[in-house]
N, C-alpha and C. Protein backbone atom coordinates (compact mmCIF):
# COMPACT_ATOMS: atom_id res chain seq x y z
N MET A 1 13.56 -50.70 -21.09
CA MET A 1 15.05 -51.18 -20.43
C MET A 1 16.11 -51.62 -21.48
N THR A 2 17.48 -50.65 -20.43
CA THR A 2 18.60 -50.43 -21.36
C THR A 2 18.57 -51.84 -21.93
N ALA A 3 20.06 -52.20 -22.98
CA ALA A 3 20.33 -52.65 -23.45
C ALA A 3 21.72 -53.75 -22.70
N LEU A 4 21.79 -52.57 -21.77
CA LEU A 4 23.10 -53.43 -21.27
C LEU A 4 22.36 -54.20 -19.13
N MET A 5 21.11 -53.67 -19.08
CA MET A 5 20.07 -54.15 -18.53
C MET A 5 19.55 -55.57 -18.81
N ASN A 6 19.34 -55.72 -19.72
CA ASN A 6 18.87 -56.46 -20.31
C ASN A 6 19.42 -57.66 -20.56
N ALA A 7 20.97 -57.55 -20.74
CA ALA A 7 21.93 -58.68 -20.81
C ALA A 7 22.08 -58.49 -19.33
N VAL A 8 22.57 -57.34 -18.25
CA VAL A 8 22.70 -57.87 -16.66
C VAL A 8 21.67 -59.18 -16.56
N ASN A 9 20.07 -58.86 -17.07
CA ASN A 9 19.48 -59.78 -16.30
C ASN A 9 19.29 -61.49 -16.76
N LYS A 10 19.48 -61.23 -18.43
CA LYS A 10 19.85 -62.44 -18.83
C LYS A 10 21.65 -63.53 -18.36
N ASN A 11 22.04 -63.14 -17.26
CA ASN A 11 23.46 -62.99 -16.98
C ASN A 11 23.74 -63.77 -17.93
N ASN A 12 24.30 -62.41 -18.82
CA ASN A 12 25.04 -62.75 -20.27
C ASN A 12 26.22 -61.39 -19.73
N PRO A 13 27.86 -62.47 -19.46
CA PRO A 13 28.80 -61.65 -19.54
C PRO A 13 29.08 -61.11 -20.19
N ALA A 14 29.12 -62.02 -22.30
CA ALA A 14 29.43 -61.90 -22.87
C ALA A 14 28.97 -60.61 -23.81
N LEU A 15 28.39 -60.40 -23.74
CA LEU A 15 26.89 -59.59 -24.23
C LEU A 15 27.22 -57.82 -23.00
N VAL A 16 27.50 -58.05 -21.89
CA VAL A 16 27.72 -57.41 -21.04
C VAL A 16 28.96 -56.13 -21.25
N GLN A 17 29.70 -57.37 -21.43
CA GLN A 17 31.57 -56.98 -21.90
C GLN A 17 31.61 -56.54 -23.36
N GLN A 18 30.36 -56.92 -24.61
CA GLN A 18 30.34 -56.10 -25.78
C GLN A 18 30.10 -54.78 -25.71
N LEU A 19 28.37 -55.40 -24.87
CA LEU A 19 27.88 -53.12 -24.65
C LEU A 19 29.40 -52.48 -24.39
N ILE A 20 30.18 -53.26 -22.76
CA ILE A 20 30.97 -52.00 -22.52
C ILE A 20 32.23 -52.05 -23.70
N GLN A 21 32.40 -52.90 -24.18
CA GLN A 21 33.35 -52.28 -25.16
C GLN A 21 32.81 -51.00 -26.65
N ASP A 22 31.40 -51.59 -26.62
CA ASP A 22 30.60 -50.34 -27.97
C ASP A 22 30.79 -49.29 -26.97
N GLY A 23 30.58 -49.19 -25.73
CA GLY A 23 30.91 -47.40 -24.63
C GLY A 23 29.11 -47.44 -23.99
N ALA A 24 28.88 -48.40 -24.17
CA ALA A 24 27.43 -48.33 -22.94
C ALA A 24 28.22 -47.18 -21.60
N ASP A 25 27.11 -46.65 -21.16
CA ASP A 25 27.39 -46.28 -20.11
C ASP A 25 26.72 -47.23 -19.10
N VAL A 26 27.86 -47.97 -17.58
CA VAL A 26 27.69 -48.63 -16.70
C VAL A 26 27.00 -47.95 -16.30
N ASN A 27 26.91 -46.84 -15.47
CA ASN A 27 26.42 -46.15 -15.12
C ASN A 27 24.59 -45.72 -15.26
N GLU A 28 24.10 -46.05 -16.32
CA GLU A 28 22.98 -45.61 -16.71
C GLU A 28 21.71 -46.53 -16.37
N LEU A 29 20.63 -45.55 -15.69
CA LEU A 29 19.05 -46.53 -14.91
C LEU A 29 18.23 -46.83 -15.62
N ASP A 30 18.11 -48.22 -15.18
CA ASP A 30 16.80 -48.29 -16.50
C ASP A 30 15.58 -47.02 -15.49
N ALA A 31 14.78 -47.24 -16.57
CA ALA A 31 13.14 -47.27 -16.58
C ALA A 31 12.91 -46.74 -15.24
N SER A 32 12.91 -47.87 -14.77
CA SER A 32 12.73 -48.52 -13.24
C SER A 32 14.06 -47.52 -12.27
N GLN A 33 14.43 -47.03 -12.37
CA GLN A 33 15.71 -46.21 -11.99
C GLN A 33 16.51 -47.36 -11.85
N ASP A 34 16.90 -48.53 -11.86
CA ASP A 34 17.42 -49.29 -10.98
C ASP A 34 19.33 -49.34 -12.02
N ALA A 35 19.84 -49.92 -10.86
CA ALA A 35 21.14 -50.11 -11.73
C ALA A 35 22.02 -51.04 -11.99
N PRO A 36 22.39 -50.85 -12.78
CA PRO A 36 23.39 -52.59 -13.46
C PRO A 36 23.58 -53.10 -12.75
N LEU A 37 24.82 -52.34 -11.82
CA LEU A 37 25.37 -52.51 -10.87
C LEU A 37 24.74 -53.57 -9.34
N VAL A 38 23.41 -52.85 -9.37
CA VAL A 38 22.99 -53.14 -8.11
C VAL A 38 22.31 -54.45 -8.35
N MET A 39 21.67 -54.57 -9.20
CA MET A 39 20.74 -55.39 -9.99
C MET A 39 21.52 -56.67 -10.14
N ALA A 40 23.19 -56.85 -10.49
CA ALA A 40 24.16 -57.69 -11.18
C ALA A 40 23.98 -58.33 -9.50
N ALA A 41 24.91 -57.66 -8.70
CA ALA A 41 24.83 -58.13 -7.00
C ALA A 41 23.41 -58.95 -6.86
N TYR A 42 22.38 -58.07 -6.39
CA TYR A 42 21.55 -58.88 -6.00
C TYR A 42 21.19 -60.34 -7.19
N LYS A 43 21.42 -60.47 -7.46
CA LYS A 43 21.44 -61.93 -8.28
C LYS A 43 22.15 -62.51 -8.55
N GLY A 44 23.18 -62.33 -8.12
CA GLY A 44 24.29 -62.80 -7.79
C GLY A 44 25.49 -62.99 -9.09
N TYR A 45 24.68 -62.31 -10.48
CA TYR A 45 25.97 -62.99 -11.45
C TYR A 45 27.48 -61.99 -11.16
N THR A 46 28.15 -62.99 -10.31
CA THR A 46 29.87 -62.33 -10.21
C THR A 46 30.54 -61.85 -11.36
N ALA A 47 30.32 -62.86 -12.03
CA ALA A 47 31.18 -62.28 -13.50
C ALA A 47 30.91 -60.77 -14.28
N ILE A 48 29.03 -60.80 -14.16
CA ILE A 48 29.11 -59.21 -14.31
C ILE A 48 29.46 -57.88 -13.55
N VAL A 49 29.38 -58.88 -12.33
CA VAL A 49 29.58 -57.77 -11.45
C VAL A 49 30.85 -57.01 -11.61
N LYS A 50 32.09 -58.09 -12.19
CA LYS A 50 33.60 -57.94 -11.75
C LYS A 50 33.68 -57.37 -13.16
N LEU A 51 32.94 -57.59 -14.72
CA LEU A 51 33.00 -56.57 -15.50
C LEU A 51 32.50 -54.89 -15.31
N LEU A 52 31.27 -54.99 -14.46
CA LEU A 52 30.84 -53.46 -14.52
C LEU A 52 31.58 -52.75 -13.84
N LEU A 53 32.39 -53.51 -12.87
CA LEU A 53 33.18 -53.02 -11.45
C LEU A 53 34.51 -52.45 -12.59
N GLU A 54 35.17 -53.21 -13.53
CA GLU A 54 36.17 -53.07 -14.01
C GLU A 54 36.07 -52.10 -14.99
N ALA A 55 34.44 -51.86 -15.21
CA ALA A 55 34.81 -50.72 -16.20
C ALA A 55 34.16 -48.85 -15.73
N GLY A 56 34.32 -49.29 -14.17
CA GLY A 56 34.03 -47.90 -13.62
C GLY A 56 32.83 -47.92 -13.24
N ALA A 57 32.27 -48.70 -12.69
CA ALA A 57 30.56 -49.14 -12.08
C ALA A 57 30.47 -47.73 -10.59
N ASP A 58 29.57 -47.47 -10.21
CA ASP A 58 29.57 -46.56 -9.43
C ASP A 58 29.34 -47.49 -7.85
N VAL A 59 30.02 -47.62 -7.44
CA VAL A 59 29.89 -48.57 -5.72
C VAL A 59 28.59 -47.63 -4.68
N ARG A 60 28.54 -46.70 -5.61
CA ARG A 60 27.74 -45.53 -4.59
C ARG A 60 26.17 -45.91 -5.21
N ALA A 61 26.05 -46.19 -6.46
CA ALA A 61 24.80 -46.39 -6.96
C ALA A 61 23.89 -47.18 -6.10
N VAL A 62 22.60 -46.98 -6.01
CA VAL A 62 21.55 -47.59 -5.17
C VAL A 62 19.61 -47.58 -5.70
N ASP A 63 19.64 -48.67 -5.47
CA ASP A 63 18.27 -49.16 -5.80
C ASP A 63 17.05 -48.20 -5.52
N PRO A 64 16.12 -48.11 -6.70
CA PRO A 64 14.90 -46.98 -5.53
C PRO A 64 14.22 -47.06 -5.08
N GLY A 65 13.80 -48.43 -4.53
CA GLY A 65 12.70 -48.24 -3.60
C GLY A 65 13.21 -48.19 -2.39
N MET A 66 14.64 -48.90 -1.51
CA MET A 66 15.16 -48.49 -0.44
C MET A 66 16.10 -47.67 -0.54
N LYS A 67 16.55 -47.95 -1.39
CA LYS A 67 17.92 -46.34 -1.40
C LYS A 67 18.84 -47.39 -0.85
N ALA A 68 19.28 -48.39 -1.48
CA ALA A 68 20.20 -49.35 -0.86
C ALA A 68 21.37 -49.66 -2.18
N THR A 69 22.69 -50.22 -1.43
CA THR A 69 23.86 -50.20 -2.51
C THR A 69 23.82 -51.27 -2.72
N ALA A 70 24.76 -51.82 -3.71
CA ALA A 70 24.93 -52.96 -4.60
C ALA A 70 25.01 -53.81 -2.93
N LEU A 71 26.12 -54.01 -2.15
CA LEU A 71 26.30 -54.59 -1.34
C LEU A 71 25.26 -55.06 -0.19
N HIS A 72 24.57 -54.07 0.00
CA HIS A 72 22.85 -54.40 0.56
C HIS A 72 22.15 -55.19 0.00
N ALA A 73 22.52 -55.07 -1.48
CA ALA A 73 21.17 -56.35 -2.49
C ALA A 73 22.05 -57.63 -1.90
N ALA A 74 23.33 -57.60 -2.55
CA ALA A 74 24.29 -59.16 -2.01
C ALA A 74 24.33 -59.37 -0.84
N ALA A 75 24.60 -58.60 0.46
CA ALA A 75 23.79 -58.86 1.40
C ALA A 75 22.78 -60.07 1.59
N TYR A 76 21.65 -59.08 1.33
CA TYR A 76 20.25 -59.91 1.24
C TYR A 76 19.85 -60.69 0.69
N ALA A 77 20.22 -60.64 -0.20
CA ALA A 77 20.27 -61.92 -1.10
C ALA A 77 21.29 -63.10 -1.23
N GLY A 78 22.56 -63.36 -0.39
CA GLY A 78 22.61 -64.05 0.18
C GLY A 78 24.21 -64.68 -1.14
N ARG A 79 24.45 -63.68 -1.65
CA ARG A 79 25.91 -63.07 -2.65
C ARG A 79 27.59 -63.27 -2.10
N ALA A 80 27.46 -64.27 -1.36
CA ALA A 80 28.91 -63.25 -0.85
C ALA A 80 30.15 -63.38 -2.15
N GLU A 81 29.85 -64.24 -2.74
CA GLU A 81 31.15 -63.27 -4.27
C GLU A 81 31.07 -62.12 -4.57
N ALA A 82 29.66 -62.18 -5.33
CA ALA A 82 29.50 -60.74 -5.16
C ALA A 82 29.61 -59.50 -3.82
N ALA A 83 29.51 -59.75 -3.05
CA ALA A 83 30.16 -58.72 -1.38
C ALA A 83 31.53 -59.00 -1.60
N LYS A 84 32.40 -59.50 -2.10
CA LYS A 84 34.13 -59.81 -1.89
C LYS A 84 34.02 -58.72 -3.06
N LEU A 85 33.68 -58.74 -4.22
CA LEU A 85 33.66 -57.81 -5.34
C LEU A 85 33.65 -56.57 -5.29
N LEU A 86 32.57 -55.62 -3.92
CA LEU A 86 32.03 -55.13 -4.20
C LEU A 86 33.33 -54.42 -2.64
N ILE A 87 33.22 -55.33 -2.03
CA ILE A 87 35.00 -55.22 -0.62
C ILE A 87 35.70 -54.08 -1.12
N ASP A 88 35.93 -55.19 -2.21
CA ASP A 88 37.38 -55.61 -3.05
C ASP A 88 37.59 -53.64 -4.01
N TYR A 89 36.53 -53.52 -4.50
CA TYR A 89 36.63 -52.62 -5.11
C TYR A 89 36.12 -51.24 -4.20
N HIS A 90 35.77 -50.82 -2.64
CA HIS A 90 35.27 -50.34 -1.35
C HIS A 90 34.66 -49.61 -1.95
N ILE A 91 33.84 -49.96 -1.80
CA ILE A 91 31.99 -49.85 -1.14
C ILE A 91 32.15 -49.83 0.24
N ASP A 92 30.94 -48.71 0.46
CA ASP A 92 31.24 -48.57 1.79
C ASP A 92 30.41 -49.40 2.23
N ILE A 93 31.22 -50.68 3.11
CA ILE A 93 30.63 -51.77 3.51
C ILE A 93 29.41 -51.34 4.99
N ASN A 94 30.04 -49.80 5.13
CA ASN A 94 29.11 -49.75 6.81
C ASN A 94 28.04 -48.53 6.40
N LYS A 95 27.93 -48.88 5.16
CA LYS A 95 26.25 -47.30 4.67
C LYS A 95 25.08 -47.71 5.02
N GLN A 96 24.74 -47.14 5.50
CA GLN A 96 23.05 -47.58 6.24
C GLN A 96 22.05 -47.02 5.45
N GLY A 97 21.28 -47.87 5.50
CA GLY A 97 20.09 -47.18 4.30
C GLY A 97 19.42 -46.33 4.71
N PRO A 98 19.15 -45.31 4.18
CA PRO A 98 18.07 -44.26 4.78
C PRO A 98 16.98 -44.21 5.31
N TYR A 99 15.96 -46.08 4.98
CA TYR A 99 14.64 -46.39 5.64
C TYR A 99 14.90 -46.99 6.80
N ASN A 100 15.41 -47.31 6.69
CA ASN A 100 15.48 -48.49 8.36
C ASN A 100 17.15 -48.33 8.73
N GLY A 101 18.04 -47.13 8.54
CA GLY A 101 19.38 -47.46 9.29
C GLY A 101 20.59 -48.88 9.12
N TYR A 102 19.63 -49.99 8.00
CA TYR A 102 20.27 -51.37 8.20
C TYR A 102 21.49 -50.83 7.78
N THR A 103 23.28 -51.60 8.11
CA THR A 103 23.73 -51.49 7.05
C THR A 103 23.82 -52.97 6.04
N ALA A 104 24.64 -53.21 5.66
CA ALA A 104 24.93 -54.56 4.66
C ALA A 104 24.78 -55.83 6.16
N LEU A 105 25.63 -55.77 6.54
CA LEU A 105 25.36 -56.73 8.00
C LEU A 105 23.57 -56.63 8.36
N HIS A 106 23.50 -55.94 8.68
CA HIS A 106 22.12 -55.92 8.99
C HIS A 106 21.38 -56.85 8.10
N ASP A 107 21.38 -56.08 6.40
CA ASP A 107 20.65 -57.50 5.74
C ASP A 107 21.01 -58.47 6.06
N ALA A 108 22.71 -58.88 6.28
CA ALA A 108 22.91 -60.28 5.81
C ALA A 108 22.12 -61.41 7.09
N ILE A 109 21.91 -60.48 8.14
CA ILE A 109 21.13 -60.75 9.64
C ILE A 109 19.98 -61.34 9.32
N TRP A 110 19.54 -59.66 8.61
CA TRP A 110 18.11 -60.00 8.34
C TRP A 110 17.28 -61.78 7.52
N GLN A 111 18.32 -61.88 6.38
CA GLN A 111 17.80 -62.58 5.85
C GLN A 111 19.12 -64.52 5.80
N ASN A 112 19.87 -64.28 7.39
CA ASN A 112 20.07 -65.61 7.74
C ASN A 112 20.72 -65.65 6.74
N ASN A 113 21.90 -64.62 5.73
CA ASN A 113 22.89 -65.15 5.57
C ASN A 113 24.31 -65.40 5.33
N ILE A 114 24.40 -66.23 6.38
CA ILE A 114 25.61 -66.89 7.32
C ILE A 114 27.43 -66.50 6.62
N GLU A 115 27.18 -67.08 5.01
CA GLU A 115 28.77 -66.56 4.23
C GLU A 115 28.52 -65.15 3.95
N VAL A 116 27.53 -64.53 3.61
CA VAL A 116 27.93 -62.83 4.04
C VAL A 116 28.02 -62.17 4.89
N VAL A 117 27.56 -63.03 5.91
CA VAL A 117 28.14 -62.45 7.34
C VAL A 117 29.76 -62.89 7.78
N ASN A 118 30.21 -63.58 7.35
CA ASN A 118 31.27 -63.84 7.34
C ASN A 118 32.08 -62.88 6.39
N VAL A 119 31.97 -62.66 4.93
CA VAL A 119 32.42 -62.00 4.08
C VAL A 119 32.39 -60.37 5.38
N LEU A 120 31.40 -59.99 5.51
CA LEU A 120 31.05 -58.69 6.16
C LEU A 120 32.35 -58.47 6.88
N LEU A 121 32.43 -59.38 7.96
CA LEU A 121 33.25 -59.10 9.84
C LEU A 121 34.88 -59.28 8.81
N ALA A 122 35.03 -60.26 8.11
CA ALA A 122 36.69 -60.24 7.95
C ALA A 122 36.43 -59.04 7.05
N ALA A 123 35.69 -58.30 6.75
CA ALA A 123 35.93 -56.90 5.87
C ALA A 123 36.05 -55.80 6.80
N ASN A 124 36.10 -56.37 8.34
CA ASN A 124 35.71 -55.29 9.71
C ASN A 124 34.77 -54.48 9.17
N ALA A 125 32.96 -54.67 9.01
CA ALA A 125 32.41 -54.09 9.21
C ALA A 125 31.96 -53.47 10.37
N ASP A 126 31.61 -52.69 10.86
CA ASP A 126 30.97 -51.99 12.07
C ASP A 126 30.28 -52.52 12.33
N LEU A 127 30.51 -52.99 14.15
CA LEU A 127 29.60 -53.43 14.96
C LEU A 127 28.55 -52.87 15.72
N HIS A 128 28.89 -51.44 15.75
CA HIS A 128 28.20 -50.72 16.85
C HIS A 128 27.33 -50.24 16.33
N LEU A 129 27.40 -49.60 14.74
CA LEU A 129 26.18 -48.84 13.83
C LEU A 129 25.06 -49.27 14.09
N ARG A 130 24.30 -48.66 14.53
CA ARG A 130 22.47 -48.96 15.11
C ARG A 130 21.63 -48.75 13.98
N SER A 131 20.57 -49.33 14.44
CA SER A 131 19.61 -49.44 13.00
C SER A 131 18.82 -48.39 13.52
N ASN A 132 17.77 -47.57 12.87
CA ASN A 132 16.58 -46.72 12.78
C ASN A 132 15.62 -47.14 13.84
N GLU A 133 15.99 -48.44 14.14
CA GLU A 133 15.20 -49.14 15.57
C GLU A 133 15.85 -49.17 16.69
N GLY A 134 16.79 -49.03 16.91
CA GLY A 134 18.09 -49.00 18.10
C GLY A 134 18.75 -50.09 17.94
N LYS A 135 18.97 -51.03 17.06
CA LYS A 135 19.50 -52.33 16.89
C LYS A 135 21.16 -52.70 16.91
N THR A 136 21.93 -52.43 17.03
CA THR A 136 23.11 -53.29 16.84
C THR A 136 23.35 -54.85 15.80
N PRO A 137 24.17 -54.79 15.17
CA PRO A 137 23.74 -56.28 14.36
C PRO A 137 23.54 -57.49 15.20
N LEU A 138 24.55 -57.58 16.72
CA LEU A 138 24.61 -58.36 17.30
C LEU A 138 22.63 -58.44 18.25
N GLU A 139 22.72 -57.00 18.56
CA GLU A 139 21.18 -57.11 18.68
C GLU A 139 20.09 -57.29 17.99
N PHE A 140 20.29 -57.53 16.93
CA PHE A 140 19.36 -57.47 15.22
C PHE A 140 19.65 -58.97 14.90
N ALA A 141 20.58 -59.42 15.56
CA ALA A 141 20.73 -60.83 15.18
C ALA A 141 19.84 -61.76 16.14
N ARG A 142 20.38 -60.85 17.65
CA ARG A 142 19.25 -62.05 18.85
C ARG A 142 17.96 -61.91 18.63
N ALA A 143 17.49 -60.55 18.08
CA ALA A 143 16.05 -60.34 18.21
C ALA A 143 15.49 -61.60 16.91
N LYS A 144 16.62 -61.62 15.83
CA LYS A 144 15.92 -62.54 15.42
C LYS A 144 16.59 -64.30 15.14
N ASN A 145 16.53 -64.33 16.43
CA ASN A 145 17.04 -65.72 17.11
C ASN A 145 18.13 -66.03 16.00
N ARG A 146 19.16 -65.87 15.73
CA ARG A 146 19.99 -66.08 14.18
C ARG A 146 21.28 -66.80 15.38
N LYS A 147 20.57 -68.03 15.76
CA LYS A 147 22.41 -68.05 16.76
C LYS A 147 23.04 -68.59 16.40
N GLU A 148 23.37 -69.29 14.94
CA GLU A 148 25.05 -69.17 14.71
C GLU A 148 25.55 -68.28 14.27
N ILE A 149 24.97 -66.92 13.50
CA ILE A 149 25.30 -65.22 13.21
C ILE A 149 25.40 -64.80 15.10
N ILE A 150 25.04 -65.34 15.79
CA ILE A 150 25.36 -64.71 17.33
C ILE A 150 26.13 -64.72 17.84
N ALA A 151 26.38 -66.21 17.71
CA ALA A 151 28.08 -66.56 18.04
C ALA A 151 28.78 -65.60 16.98
N LEU A 152 29.12 -65.49 15.62
CA LEU A 152 30.11 -65.11 14.66
C LEU A 152 29.76 -63.47 15.69
N LEU A 153 28.80 -63.31 16.05
CA LEU A 153 29.19 -61.71 16.19
C LEU A 153 30.20 -61.51 17.31
N GLU A 154 29.88 -62.23 18.70
CA GLU A 154 30.04 -62.63 19.56
C GLU A 154 31.68 -62.43 19.62
N ALA A 155 32.11 -63.40 18.84
CA ALA A 155 33.46 -63.77 18.77
C ALA A 155 34.19 -63.13 18.40
N LYS A 156 33.45 -61.89 17.63
CA LYS A 156 34.27 -60.98 16.75
C LYS A 156 34.38 -60.20 17.79
N ALA A 157 33.11 -59.32 18.27
CA ALA A 157 33.14 -58.79 19.20
C ALA A 157 34.39 -58.86 20.89
N GLY A 158 34.11 -60.42 20.59
CA GLY A 158 35.57 -60.86 21.86
C GLY A 158 34.68 -61.05 22.96
N LYS A 159 33.31 -61.37 22.42
CA LYS A 159 32.47 -61.23 24.29
C LYS A 159 32.30 -62.49 24.64
């Protein structure tokens, strides 16, 4: 594990900042091919997400398993503040995972993360993108019986 990834995993913003100042590569993958930004977003370490983004972390970085972005990770794990930061740094909010076709909105719906759904809707996430199963976010929410999210999506879509 890289020193930077170790500091990320320990939720140590001061050490992350010091390592960045000392020249650590914020985009260096660890032995498992995990990116610091994706890991920090997944864990909800907002201060570290901010430090990494300010230091030029690549918002296109993906995890080694599902090839999901940091926004997918934040959405799946219910990390609304990390999601907001990533959106502020122009991450592609409509990027679809190559294996399931899920957007971050699909991931937030899957895990019933209502606060993240609200963040993504406020950022104008595309409500028409279909997963590889052919489901729009609204259809996916209905399939998962996510009543509160269904109402949010219907309101956004004007239904």
